[in-house]
Amino acid sequence: MLPNSFSLNKTTEDRLKLLKLRTGVAPNVSARLAFFKSIHSGFKATNWGDYVIDGGLRLDKLTWLGSNQLVIETVLKSYYPRIESVTEMQRVWAMHVEHGSASFHNRYDLGDFVSEILK
């Protein structure tokens, strides 16, 4: 359902890299947390056809999703059953990561980051 390798948009990528500098949490791990935070908040992606993926950090599916791969792809498929294109599904995933990571950008240490995740 998702391509074998993909990336985020530049803004989200920069946000996750800054978070890594502040907390030590790798961008792929914080992307997973951001995705689930977005899903938990009830966010639904719209206009994904216009969403631009322009980040330079291109990782394989296993690195981005880890052992959560099946869960993430199943959640995406159940939330967006009409999407058939892997490119569109990548955009939707990236939109969820962007939405979920927005609450992380003001976190300055690991404890602060963890407390934000647990909200």
PDB file of N, CA and C in Angstrom:
ATOM      1  N   MET A   1       0.817  -1.186   0.000  1.00  0.00           N
ATOM      2  CA  MET A   1       0.000   0.000   0.000  1.00  0.00           C
ATOM      3  C   MET A   1       0.864   1.254   0.000  1.00  0.00           C
ATOM      4  N   LEU A   2       1.834   1.362   0.881  1.00  0.00           N
ATOM      5  CA  LEU A   2       2.795   2.468   0.825  1.00  0.00           C
ATOM      6  C   LEU A   2       3.973   2.024  -0.039  1.00  0.00           C
ATOM      7  N   PRO A   3       4.642   2.969  -0.689  1.00  0.00           N
ATOM      8  CA  PRO A   3       5.791   2.584  -1.525  1.00  0.00           C
ATOM      9  C   PRO A   3       6.926   2.010  -0.679  1.00  0.00           C
ATOM     10  N   ASN A   4       7.874   1.368  -1.329  1.00  0.00           N
ATOM     11  CA  ASN A   4       8.993   0.754  -0.604  1.00  0.00           C
ATOM     12  C   ASN A   4       9.939   1.777   0.005  1.00  0.00           C
ATOM     13  N   SER A   5      10.018   2.960  -0.577  1.00  0.00           N
ATOM     14  CA  SER A   5      10.785   4.049   0.044  1.00  0.00           C
ATOM     15  C   SER A   5      10.045   5.353  -0.213  1.00  0.00           C
ATOM     16  N   PHE A   6      10.079   6.241   0.763  1.00  0.00           N
ATOM     17  CA  PHE A   6       9.345   7.497   0.640  1.00  0.00           C
ATOM     18  C   PHE A   6       9.908   8.522   1.607  1.00  0.00           C
ATOM     19  N   SER A   7       9.387   9.737   1.522  1.00  0.00           N
ATOM     20  CA  SER A   7       9.885  10.830   2.358  1.00  0.00           C
ATOM     21  C   SER A   7       8.721  11.712   2.797  1.00  0.00           C
ATOM     22  N   LEU A   8       9.054  12.732   3.563  1.00  0.00           N
ATOM     23  CA  LEU A   8       8.087  13.702   4.069  1.00  0.00           C
ATOM     24  C   LEU A   8       8.256  15.014   3.322  1.00  0.00           C
ATOM     25  N   ASN A   9       7.490  16.028   3.719  1.00  0.00           N
ATOM     26  CA  ASN A   9       7.778  17.341   3.158  1.00  0.00           C
ATOM     27  C   ASN A   9       8.912  17.979   3.958  1.00  0.00           C
ATOM     28  N   LYS A  10       9.514  19.001   3.405  1.00  0.00           N
ATOM     29  CA  LYS A  10      10.711  19.616   3.986  1.00  0.00           C
ATOM     30  C   LYS A  10      10.442  20.176   5.387  1.00  0.00           C
ATOM     31  N   THR A  11       9.313  20.816   5.581  1.00  0.00           N
ATOM     32  CA  THR A  11       8.988  21.417   6.878  1.00  0.00           C
ATOM     33  C   THR A  11       8.915  20.359   7.978  1.00  0.00           C
ATOM     34  N   THR A  12       8.212  19.277   7.704  1.00  0.00           N
ATOM     35  CA  THR A  12       8.080  18.200   8.689  1.00  0.00           C
ATOM     36  C   THR A  12       9.423  17.547   8.950  1.00  0.00           C
ATOM     37  N   GLU A  13      10.163  17.316   7.892  1.00  0.00           N
ATOM     38  CA  GLU A  13      11.489  16.714   8.030  1.00  0.00           C
ATOM     39  C   GLU A  13      12.392  17.573   8.916  1.00  0.00           C
ATOM     40  N   ASP A  14      12.398  18.877   8.683  1.00  0.00           N
ATOM     41  CA  ASP A  14      13.211  19.781   9.502  1.00  0.00           C
ATOM     42  C   ASP A  14      12.759  19.772  10.956  1.00  0.00           C
ATOM     43  N   ARG A  15      11.451  19.716  11.165  1.00  0.00           N
ATOM     44  CA  ARG A  15      10.903  19.673  12.528  1.00  0.00           C
ATOM     45  C   ARG A  15      11.371  18.411  13.256  1.00  0.00           C
ATOM     46  N   LEU A  16      11.352  17.272  12.562  1.00  0.00           N
ATOM     47  CA  LEU A  16      11.766  16.011  13.183  1.00  0.00           C
ATOM     48  C   LEU A  16      13.273  15.969  13.425  1.00  0.00           C
ATOM     49  N   LYS A  17      14.043  16.572  12.537  1.00  0.00           N
ATOM     50  CA  LYS A  17      15.498  16.633  12.737  1.00  0.00           C
ATOM     51  C   LYS A  17      15.845  17.521  13.927  1.00  0.00           C
ATOM     52  N   LEU A  18      15.142  18.636  14.082  1.00  0.00           N
ATOM     53  CA  LEU A  18      15.364  19.508  15.233  1.00  0.00           C
ATOM     54  C   LEU A  18      14.977  18.786  16.522  1.00  0.00           C
ATOM     55  N   LEU A  19      13.898  18.046  16.474  1.00  0.00           N
ATOM     56  CA  LEU A  19      13.478  17.265  17.637  1.00  0.00           C
ATOM     57  C   LEU A  19      14.551  16.248  18.015  1.00  0.00           C
ATOM     58  N   LYS A  20      15.192  15.648  17.017  1.00  0.00           N
ATOM     59  CA  LYS A  20      16.273  14.700  17.299  1.00  0.00           C
ATOM     60  C   LYS A  20      17.428  15.390  18.017  1.00  0.00           C
ATOM     61  N   LEU A  21      17.773  16.591  17.581  1.00  0.00           N
ATOM     62  CA  LEU A  21      18.850  17.331  18.247  1.00  0.00           C
ATOM     63  C   LEU A  21      18.503  17.632  19.701  1.00  0.00           C
ATOM     64  N   ARG A  22      17.249  17.938  19.955  1.00  0.00           N
ATOM     65  CA  ARG A  22      16.817  18.310  21.305  1.00  0.00           C
ATOM     66  C   ARG A  22      16.598  17.115  22.221  1.00  0.00           C
ATOM     67  N   THR A  23      16.095  16.006  21.667  1.00  0.00           N
ATOM     68  CA  THR A  23      15.681  14.883  22.517  1.00  0.00           C
ATOM     69  C   THR A  23      16.463  13.597  22.282  1.00  0.00           C
ATOM     70  N   GLY A  24      17.098  13.480  21.126  1.00  0.00           N
ATOM     71  CA  GLY A  24      17.794  12.250  20.779  1.00  0.00           C
ATOM     72  C   GLY A  24      16.912  11.209  20.116  1.00  0.00           C
ATOM     73  N   VAL A  25      15.638  11.519  19.913  1.00  0.00           N
ATOM     74  CA  VAL A  25      14.709  10.587  19.274  1.00  0.00           C
ATOM     75  C   VAL A  25      14.868  10.708  17.759  1.00  0.00           C
ATOM     76  N   ALA A  26      15.154   9.592  17.102  1.00  0.00           N
ATOM     77  CA  ALA A  26      15.389   9.583  15.657  1.00  0.00           C
ATOM     78  C   ALA A  26      14.136  10.018  14.889  1.00  0.00           C
ATOM     79  N   PRO A  27      14.322  10.672  13.741  1.00  0.00           N
ATOM     80  CA  PRO A  27      13.174  11.140  12.951  1.00  0.00           C
ATOM     81  C   PRO A  27      12.189  10.041  12.560  1.00  0.00           C
ATOM     82  N   ASN A  28      12.675   8.848  12.265  1.00  0.00           N
ATOM     83  CA  ASN A  28      11.741   7.785  11.893  1.00  0.00           C
ATOM     84  C   ASN A  28      10.869   7.365  13.083  1.00  0.00           C
ATOM     85  N   VAL A  29      11.434   7.361  14.275  1.00  0.00           N
ATOM     86  CA  VAL A  29      10.663   7.002  15.473  1.00  0.00           C
ATOM     87  C   VAL A  29       9.667   8.111  15.808  1.00  0.00           C
ATOM     88  N   SER A  30      10.115   9.364  15.761  1.00  0.00           N
ATOM     89  CA  SER A  30       9.190  10.466  16.052  1.00  0.00           C
ATOM     90  C   SER A  30       8.110  10.572  14.978  1.00  0.00           C
ATOM     91  N   ALA A  31       8.409  10.170  13.736  1.00  0.00           N
ATOM     92  CA  ALA A  31       7.383  10.159  12.681  1.00  0.00           C
ATOM     93  C   ALA A  31       6.286   9.153  13.016  1.00  0.00           C
ATOM     94  N   ARG A  32       6.664   7.992  13.524  1.00  0.00           N
ATOM     95  CA  ARG A  32       5.664   6.990  13.925  1.00  0.00           C
ATOM     96  C   ARG A  32       4.783   7.533  15.046  1.00  0.00           C
ATOM     97  N   LEU A  33       5.411   8.143  16.035  1.00  0.00           N
ATOM     98  CA  LEU A  33       4.657   8.709  17.155  1.00  0.00           C
ATOM     99  C   LEU A  33       3.736   9.825  16.674  1.00  0.00           C
ATOM    100  N   ALA A  34       4.239  10.659  15.769  1.00  0.00           N
ATOM    101  CA  ALA A  34       3.434  11.755  15.224  1.00  0.00           C
ATOM    102  C   ALA A  34       2.234  11.208  14.450  1.00  0.00           C
ATOM    103  N   PHE A  35       2.449  10.149  13.684  1.00  0.00           N
ATOM    104  CA  PHE A  35       1.347   9.541  12.933  1.00  0.00           C
ATOM    105  C   PHE A  35       0.239   9.101  13.892  1.00  0.00           C
ATOM    106  N   PHE A  36       0.593   8.363  14.929  1.00  0.00           N
ATOM    107  CA  PHE A  36      -0.423   7.868  15.853  1.00  0.00           C
ATOM    108  C   PHE A  36      -1.059   8.997  16.661  1.00  0.00           C
ATOM    109  N   LYS A  37      -0.301  10.033  16.966  1.00  0.00           N
ATOM    110  CA  LYS A  37      -0.874  11.197  17.660  1.00  0.00           C
ATOM    111  C   LYS A  37      -1.928  11.858  16.775  1.00  0.00           C
ATOM    112  N   SER A  38      -1.640  11.964  15.490  1.00  0.00           N
ATOM    113  CA  SER A  38      -2.584  12.542  14.543  1.00  0.00           C
ATOM    114  C   SER A  38      -3.848  11.694  14.428  1.00  0.00           C
ATOM    115  N   ILE A  39      -3.685  10.397  14.321  1.00  0.00           N
ATOM    116  CA  ILE A  39      -4.838   9.489  14.242  1.00  0.00           C
ATOM    117  C   ILE A  39      -5.670   9.608  15.515  1.00  0.00           C
ATOM    118  N   HIS A  40      -5.008   9.616  16.656  1.00  0.00           N
ATOM    119  CA  HIS A  40      -5.703   9.714  17.945  1.00  0.00           C
ATOM    120  C   HIS A  40      -6.490  11.013  18.060  1.00  0.00           C
ATOM    121  N   SER A  41      -5.989  12.078  17.457  1.00  0.00           N
ATOM    122  CA  SER A  41      -6.669  13.376  17.538  1.00  0.00           C
ATOM    123  C   SER A  41      -7.911  13.440  16.651  1.00  0.00           C
ATOM    124  N   GLY A  42      -8.063  12.473  15.742  1.00  0.00           N
ATOM    125  CA  GLY A  42      -9.216  12.475  14.851  1.00  0.00           C
ATOM    126  C   GLY A  42      -8.991  13.205  13.537  1.00  0.00           C
ATOM    127  N   PHE A  43      -7.770  13.618  13.277  1.00  0.00           N
ATOM    128  CA  PHE A  43      -7.446  14.329  12.037  1.00  0.00           C
ATOM    129  C   PHE A  43      -7.758  13.460  10.822  1.00  0.00           C
ATOM    130  N   LYS A  44      -8.376  14.061   9.821  1.00  0.00           N
ATOM    131  CA  LYS A  44      -8.627  13.394   8.535  1.00  0.00           C
ATOM    132  C   LYS A  44      -7.989  14.241   7.444  1.00  0.00           C
ATOM    133  N   ALA A  45      -7.127  13.639   6.665  1.00  0.00           N
ATOM    134  CA  ALA A  45      -6.439  14.345   5.582  1.00  0.00           C
ATOM    135  C   ALA A  45      -7.414  14.642   4.444  1.00  0.00           C
ATOM    136  N   THR A  46      -7.305  15.842   3.894  1.00  0.00           N
ATOM    137  CA  THR A  46      -8.084  16.228   2.722  1.00  0.00           C
ATOM    138  C   THR A  46      -7.149  16.904   1.730  1.00  0.00           C
ATOM    139  N   ASN A  47      -7.553  16.964   0.510  1.00  0.00           N
ATOM    140  CA  ASN A  47      -6.768  17.615  -0.555  1.00  0.00           C
ATOM    141  C   ASN A  47      -5.351  17.070  -0.654  1.00  0.00           C
ATOM    142  N   TRP A  48      -5.194  15.767  -0.508  1.00  0.00           N
ATOM    143  CA  TRP A  48      -3.855  15.187  -0.550  1.00  0.00           C
ATOM    144  C   TRP A  48      -3.236  15.261  -1.941  1.00  0.00           C
ATOM    145  N   GLY A  49      -4.040  15.471  -2.956  1.00  0.00           N
ATOM    146  CA  GLY A  49      -3.497  15.607  -4.302  1.00  0.00           C
ATOM    147  C   GLY A  49      -2.623  16.840  -4.461  1.00  0.00           C
ATOM    148  N   ASP A  50      -2.879  17.854  -3.625  1.00  0.00           N
ATOM    149  CA  ASP A  50      -2.107  19.099  -3.680  1.00  0.00           C
ATOM    150  C   ASP A  50      -0.907  19.090  -2.739  1.00  0.00           C
ATOM    151  N   TYR A  51      -0.791  18.084  -1.919  1.00  0.00           N
ATOM    152  CA  TYR A  51       0.262  18.039  -0.904  1.00  0.00           C
ATOM    153  C   TYR A  51       1.608  17.715  -1.550  1.00  0.00           C
ATOM    154  N   VAL A  52       2.607  18.521  -1.242  1.00  0.00           N
ATOM    155  CA  VAL A  52       3.925  18.378  -1.865  1.00  0.00           C
ATOM    156  C   VAL A  52       4.871  17.619  -0.939  1.00  0.00           C
ATOM    157  N   ILE A  53       5.484  16.581  -1.468  1.00  0.00           N
ATOM    158  CA  ILE A  53       6.513  15.821  -0.760  1.00  0.00           C
ATOM    159  C   ILE A  53       7.854  16.280  -1.321  1.00  0.00           C
ATOM    160  N   ASP A  54       8.585  17.078  -0.551  1.00  0.00           N
ATOM    161  CA  ASP A  54       9.833  17.649  -1.071  1.00  0.00           C
ATOM    162  C   ASP A  54      11.021  17.466  -0.133  1.00  0.00           C
ATOM    163  N   GLY A  55      10.884  16.602   0.853  1.00  0.00           N
ATOM    164  CA  GLY A  55      11.980  16.365   1.795  1.00  0.00           C
ATOM    165  C   GLY A  55      13.094  15.545   1.176  1.00  0.00           C
ATOM    166  N   GLY A  56      14.283  15.706   1.700  1.00  0.00           N
ATOM    167  CA  GLY A  56      15.443  14.996   1.176  1.00  0.00           C
ATOM    168  C   GLY A  56      15.744  13.687   1.892  1.00  0.00           C
ATOM    169  N   LEU A  57      15.120  13.465   3.047  1.00  0.00           N
ATOM    170  CA  LEU A  57      15.366  12.250   3.823  1.00  0.00           C
ATOM    171  C   LEU A  57      14.459  11.137   3.294  1.00  0.00           C
ATOM    172  N   ARG A  58      14.984  10.344   2.396  1.00  0.00           N
ATOM    173  CA  ARG A  58      14.216   9.252   1.785  1.00  0.00           C
ATOM    174  C   ARG A  58      14.649   7.945   2.438  1.00  0.00           C
ATOM    175  N   LEU A  59      13.706   7.311   3.137  1.00  0.00           N
ATOM    176  CA  LEU A  59      13.996   6.067   3.848  1.00  0.00           C
ATOM    177  C   LEU A  59      13.084   4.960   3.349  1.00  0.00           C
ATOM    178  N   ASP A  60      13.499   3.728   3.579  1.00  0.00           N
ATOM    179  CA  ASP A  60      12.663   2.605   3.175  1.00  0.00           C
ATOM    180  C   ASP A  60      11.495   2.444   4.149  1.00  0.00           C
ATOM    181  N   LYS A  61      10.506   1.705   3.700  1.00  0.00           N
ATOM    182  CA  LYS A  61       9.273   1.533   4.473  1.00  0.00           C
ATOM    183  C   LYS A  61       9.530   0.945   5.857  1.00  0.00           C
ATOM    184  N   LEU A  62      10.396  -0.040   5.942  1.00  0.00           N
ATOM    185  CA  LEU A  62      10.680  -0.669   7.232  1.00  0.00           C
ATOM    186  C   LEU A  62      11.304   0.323   8.207  1.00  0.00           C
ATOM    187  N   THR A  63      12.173   1.189   7.718  1.00  0.00           N
ATOM    188  CA  THR A  63      12.799   2.185   8.594  1.00  0.00           C
ATOM    189  C   THR A  63      11.772   3.201   9.081  1.00  0.00           C
ATOM    190  N   TRP A  64      10.932   3.701   8.181  1.00  0.00           N
ATOM    191  CA  TRP A  64       9.917   4.676   8.588  1.00  0.00           C
ATOM    192  C   TRP A  64       8.900   4.069   9.546  1.00  0.00           C
ATOM    193  N   LEU A  65       8.409   2.885   9.228  1.00  0.00           N
ATOM    194  CA  LEU A  65       7.272   2.328   9.966  1.00  0.00           C
ATOM    195  C   LEU A  65       7.654   1.310  11.029  1.00  0.00           C
ATOM    196  N   GLY A  66       8.834   0.711  10.913  1.00  0.00           N
ATOM    197  CA  GLY A  66       9.283  -0.266  11.894  1.00  0.00           C
ATOM    198  C   GLY A  66       8.332  -1.438  12.008  1.00  0.00           C
ATOM    199  N   SER A  67       8.210  -1.958  13.207  1.00  0.00           N
ATOM    200  CA  SER A  67       7.331  -3.106  13.437  1.00  0.00           C
ATOM    201  C   SER A  67       5.857  -2.709  13.400  1.00  0.00           C
ATOM    202  N   ASN A  68       5.591  -1.409  13.248  1.00  0.00           N
ATOM    203  CA  ASN A  68       4.212  -0.920  13.162  1.00  0.00           C
ATOM    204  C   ASN A  68       3.689  -0.894  11.730  1.00  0.00           C
ATOM    205  N   GLN A  69       4.458  -1.416  10.796  1.00  0.00           N
ATOM    206  CA  GLN A  69       4.113  -1.319   9.377  1.00  0.00           C
ATOM    207  C   GLN A  69       2.700  -1.810   9.079  1.00  0.00           C
ATOM    208  N   LEU A  70       2.368  -2.997   9.507  1.00  0.00           N
ATOM    209  CA  LEU A  70       1.051  -3.563   9.219  1.00  0.00           C
ATOM    210  C   LEU A  70      -0.058  -2.734   9.864  1.00  0.00           C
ATOM    211  N   VAL A  71       0.156  -2.298  11.093  1.00  0.00           N
ATOM    212  CA  VAL A  71      -0.848  -1.496  11.795  1.00  0.00           C
ATOM    213  C   VAL A  71      -1.067  -0.170  11.073  1.00  0.00           C
ATOM    214  N   ILE A  72       0.017   0.514  10.721  1.00  0.00           N
ATOM    215  CA  ILE A  72      -0.095   1.816  10.058  1.00  0.00           C
ATOM    216  C   ILE A  72      -0.799   1.674   8.715  1.00  0.00           C
ATOM    217  N   GLU A  73      -0.406   0.684   7.931  1.00  0.00           N
ATOM    218  CA  GLU A  73      -1.047   0.504   6.628  1.00  0.00           C
ATOM    219  C   GLU A  73      -2.515   0.105   6.763  1.00  0.00           C
ATOM    220  N   THR A  74      -2.847  -0.684   7.767  1.00  0.00           N
ATOM    221  CA  THR A  74      -4.239  -1.068   7.997  1.00  0.00           C
ATOM    222  C   THR A  74      -5.072   0.133   8.429  1.00  0.00           C
ATOM    223  N   VAL A  75      -4.531   0.954   9.311  1.00  0.00           N
ATOM    224  CA  VAL A  75      -5.236   2.168   9.743  1.00  0.00           C
ATOM    225  C   VAL A  75      -5.476   3.088   8.549  1.00  0.00           C
ATOM    226  N   LEU A  76      -4.446   3.294   7.737  1.00  0.00           N
ATOM    227  CA  LEU A  76      -4.605   4.150   6.555  1.00  0.00           C
ATOM    228  C   LEU A  76      -5.668   3.594   5.612  1.00  0.00           C
ATOM    229  N   LYS A  77      -5.637   2.299   5.384  1.00  0.00           N
ATOM    230  CA  LYS A  77      -6.607   1.684   4.472  1.00  0.00           C
ATOM    231  C   LYS A  77      -8.023   1.789   5.026  1.00  0.00           C
ATOM    232  N   SER A  78      -8.187   1.664   6.343  1.00  0.00           N
ATOM    233  CA  SER A  78      -9.534   1.762   6.913  1.00  0.00           C
ATOM    234  C   SER A  78     -10.027   3.212   6.961  1.00  0.00           C
ATOM    235  N   TYR A  79      -9.131   4.174   7.172  1.00  0.00           N
ATOM    236  CA  TYR A  79      -9.511   5.592   7.180  1.00  0.00           C
ATOM    237  C   TYR A  79      -9.771   6.114   5.770  1.00  0.00           C
ATOM    238  N   TYR A  80      -9.045   5.593   4.803  1.00  0.00           N
ATOM    239  CA  TYR A  80      -9.115   6.090   3.421  1.00  0.00           C
ATOM    240  C   TYR A  80      -9.300   4.912   2.454  1.00  0.00           C
ATOM    241  N   PRO A  81     -10.451   4.243   2.496  1.00  0.00           N
ATOM    242  CA  PRO A  81     -10.641   3.029   1.693  1.00  0.00           C
ATOM    243  C   PRO A  81     -10.662   3.269   0.183  1.00  0.00           C
ATOM    244  N   ARG A  82     -10.914   4.473  -0.247  1.00  0.00           N
ATOM    245  CA  ARG A  82     -11.008   4.753  -1.684  1.00  0.00           C
ATOM    246  C   ARG A  82      -9.669   5.059  -2.330  1.00  0.00           C
ATOM    247  N   ILE A  83      -8.641   5.239  -1.535  1.00  0.00           N
ATOM    248  CA  ILE A  83      -7.326   5.537  -2.106  1.00  0.00           C
ATOM    249  C   ILE A  83      -6.683   4.239  -2.584  1.00  0.00           C
ATOM    250  N   GLU A  84      -6.343   4.207  -3.849  1.00  0.00           N
ATOM    251  CA  GLU A  84      -5.698   3.033  -4.436  1.00  0.00           C
ATOM    252  C   GLU A  84      -4.236   3.303  -4.774  1.00  0.00           C
ATOM    253  N   SER A  85      -3.897   4.548  -5.036  1.00  0.00           N
ATOM    254  CA  SER A  85      -2.552   4.914  -5.476  1.00  0.00           C
ATOM    255  C   SER A  85      -1.569   4.937  -4.303  1.00  0.00           C
ATOM    256  N   VAL A  86      -0.393   4.334  -4.487  1.00  0.00           N
ATOM    257  CA  VAL A  86       0.620   4.359  -3.427  1.00  0.00           C
ATOM    258  C   VAL A  86       1.132   5.778  -3.207  1.00  0.00           C
ATOM    259  N   THR A  87       1.149   6.585  -4.257  1.00  0.00           N
ATOM    260  CA  THR A  87       1.587   7.980  -4.125  1.00  0.00           C
ATOM    261  C   THR A  87       0.615   8.769  -3.262  1.00  0.00           C
ATOM    262  N   GLU A  88      -0.675   8.578  -3.485  1.00  0.00           N
ATOM    263  CA  GLU A  88      -1.669   9.270  -2.662  1.00  0.00           C
ATOM    264  C   GLU A  88      -1.605   8.793  -1.217  1.00  0.00           C
ATOM    265  N   MET A  89      -1.410   7.496  -1.013  1.00  0.00           N
ATOM    266  CA  MET A  89      -1.321   6.965   0.347  1.00  0.00           C
ATOM    267  C   MET A  89      -0.089   7.518   1.050  1.00  0.00           C
ATOM    268  N   GLN A  90       1.015   7.689   0.333  1.00  0.00           N
ATOM    269  CA  GLN A  90       2.213   8.295   0.910  1.00  0.00           C
ATOM    270  C   GLN A  90       1.920   9.725   1.345  1.00  0.00           C
ATOM    271  N   ARG A  91       1.207  10.466   0.512  1.00  0.00           N
ATOM    272  CA  ARG A  91       0.860  11.852   0.858  1.00  0.00           C
ATOM    273  C   ARG A  91      -0.011  11.907   2.109  1.00  0.00           C
ATOM    274  N   VAL A  92      -0.978  11.004   2.201  1.00  0.00           N
ATOM    275  CA  VAL A  92      -1.854  10.970   3.376  1.00  0.00           C
ATOM    276  C   VAL A  92      -1.043  10.640   4.626  1.00  0.00           C
ATOM    277  N   TRP A  93      -0.160   9.660   4.532  1.00  0.00           N
ATOM    278  CA  TRP A  93       0.711   9.322   5.667  1.00  0.00           C
ATOM    279  C   TRP A  93       1.533  10.544   6.072  1.00  0.00           C
ATOM    280  N   ALA A  94       2.123  11.219   5.091  1.00  0.00           N
ATOM    281  CA  ALA A  94       2.951  12.397   5.373  1.00  0.00           C
ATOM    282  C   ALA A  94       2.126  13.524   5.994  1.00  0.00           C
ATOM    283  N   MET A  95       0.885  13.682   5.560  1.00  0.00           N
ATOM    284  CA  MET A  95       0.020  14.708   6.153  1.00  0.00           C
ATOM    285  C   MET A  95      -0.271  14.393   7.616  1.00  0.00           C
ATOM    286  N   HIS A  96      -0.473  13.119   7.921  1.00  0.00           N
ATOM    287  CA  HIS A  96      -0.701  12.730   9.315  1.00  0.00           C
ATOM    288  C   HIS A  96       0.557  12.970  10.156  1.00  0.00           C
ATOM    289  N   VAL A  97       1.713  12.654   9.611  1.00  0.00           N
ATOM    290  CA  VAL A  97       2.961  12.892  10.349  1.00  0.00           C
ATOM    291  C   VAL A  97       3.149  14.390  10.573  1.00  0.00           C
ATOM    292  N   GLU A  98       2.873  15.193   9.559  1.00  0.00           N
ATOM    293  CA  GLU A  98       2.989  16.648   9.717  1.00  0.00           C
ATOM    294  C   GLU A  98       2.032  17.157  10.787  1.00  0.00           C
ATOM    295  N   HIS A  99       0.790  16.707  10.732  1.00  0.00           N
ATOM    296  CA  HIS A  99      -0.201  17.142  11.717  1.00  0.00           C
ATOM    297  C   HIS A  99       0.203  16.729  13.133  1.00  0.00           C
ATOM    298  N   GLY A 100       0.596  15.481  13.298  1.00  0.00           N
ATOM    299  CA  GLY A 100       0.972  14.992  14.628  1.00  0.00           C
ATOM    300  C   GLY A 100       2.240  15.612  15.164  1.00  0.00           C
ATOM    301  N   SER A 101       3.180  15.924  14.274  1.00  0.00           N
ATOM    302  CA  SER A 101       4.462  16.485  14.725  1.00  0.00           C
ATOM    303  C   SER A 101       4.375  17.968  15.050  1.00  0.00           C
ATOM    304  N   ALA A 102       3.302  18.618  14.654  1.00  0.00           N
ATOM    305  CA  ALA A 102       3.167  20.053  14.933  1.00  0.00           C
ATOM    306  C   ALA A 102       3.222  20.335  16.435  1.00  0.00           C
ATOM    307  N   SER A 103       2.714  19.417  17.235  1.00  0.00           N
ATOM    308  CA  SER A 103       2.731  19.629  18.687  1.00  0.00           C
ATOM    309  C   SER A 103       4.101  19.352  19.296  1.00  0.00           C
ATOM    310  N   PHE A 104       5.015  18.778  18.514  1.00  0.00           N
ATOM    311  CA  PHE A 104       6.340  18.440  19.030  1.00  0.00           C
ATOM    312  C   PHE A 104       7.346  19.573  18.892  1.00  0.00           C
ATOM    313  N   HIS A 105       7.085  20.561  18.043  1.00  0.00           N
ATOM    314  CA  HIS A 105       8.146  21.501  17.687  1.00  0.00           C
ATOM    315  C   HIS A 105       8.609  22.397  18.830  1.00  0.00           C
ATOM    316  N   ASN A 106       7.839  22.535  19.875  1.00  0.00           N
ATOM    317  CA  ASN A 106       8.268  23.345  21.020  1.00  0.00           C
ATOM    318  C   ASN A 106       8.787  22.496  22.174  1.00  0.00           C
ATOM    319  N   ARG A 107       9.146  21.267  21.908  1.00  0.00           N
ATOM    320  CA  ARG A 107       9.657  20.377  22.945  1.00  0.00           C
ATOM    321  C   ARG A 107      11.174  20.453  22.966  1.00  0.00           C
ATOM    322  N   TYR A 108      11.729  20.680  24.153  1.00  0.00           N
ATOM    323  CA  TYR A 108      13.165  20.943  24.258  1.00  0.00           C
ATOM    324  C   TYR A 108      13.966  19.846  24.935  1.00  0.00           C
ATOM    325  N   ASP A 109      13.298  18.874  25.524  1.00  0.00           N
ATOM    326  CA  ASP A 109      14.030  17.751  26.111  1.00  0.00           C
ATOM    327  C   ASP A 109      13.152  16.509  26.053  1.00  0.00           C
ATOM    328  N   LEU A 110      13.735  15.385  26.360  1.00  0.00           N
ATOM    329  CA  LEU A 110      13.035  14.113  26.231  1.00  0.00           C
ATOM    330  C   LEU A 110      11.818  14.034  27.150  1.00  0.00           C
ATOM    331  N   GLY A 111      11.940  14.520  28.376  1.00  0.00           N
ATOM    332  CA  GLY A 111      10.817  14.489  29.307  1.00  0.00           C
ATOM    333  C   GLY A 111       9.637  15.304  28.807  1.00  0.00           C
ATOM    334  N   ASP A 112       9.930  16.465  28.262  1.00  0.00           N
ATOM    335  CA  ASP A 112       8.903  17.335  27.696  1.00  0.00           C
ATOM    336  C   ASP A 112       8.238  16.660  26.493  1.00  0.00           C
ATOM    337  N   PHE A 113       9.043  16.004  25.678  1.00  0.00           N
ATOM    338  CA  PHE A 113       8.543  15.297  24.500  1.00  0.00           C
ATOM    339  C   PHE A 113       7.620  14.152  24.909  1.00  0.00           C
ATOM    340  N   VAL A 114       8.039  13.367  25.882  1.00  0.00           N
ATOM    341  CA  VAL A 114       7.231  12.233  26.346  1.00  0.00           C
ATOM    342  C   VAL A 114       5.913  12.719  26.939  1.00  0.00           C
ATOM    343  N   SER A 115       5.943  13.803  27.710  1.00  0.00           N
ATOM    344  CA  SER A 115       4.703  14.313  28.291  1.00  0.00           C
ATOM    345  C   SER A 115       3.741  14.786  27.199  1.00  0.00           C
ATOM    346  N   GLU A 116       4.264  15.322  26.097  1.00  0.00           N
ATOM    347  CA  GLU A 116       3.409  15.729  24.976  1.00  0.00           C
ATOM    348  C   GLU A 116       2.774  14.515  24.305  1.00  0.00           C
ATOM    349  N   ILE A 117       3.528  13.454  24.162  1.00  0.00           N
ATOM    350  CA  ILE A 117       3.008  12.242  23.528  1.00  0.00           C
ATOM    351  C   ILE A 117       1.887  11.639  24.368  1.00  0.00           C
ATOM    352  N   LEU A 118       2.032  11.688  25.673  1.00  0.00           N
ATOM    353  CA  LEU A 118       1.062  11.056  26.564  1.00  0.00           C
ATOM    354  C   LEU A 118      -0.206  11.874  26.757  1.00  0.00           C
ATOM    355  N   LYS A 119      -0.258  13.068  26.210  1.00  0.00           N
ATOM    356  CA  LYS A 119      -1.470  13.895  26.342  1.00  0.00           C
ATOM    357  C   LYS A 119      -2.614  13.286  25.582  1.00  0.00           C
TER     358      LYS A 119
END
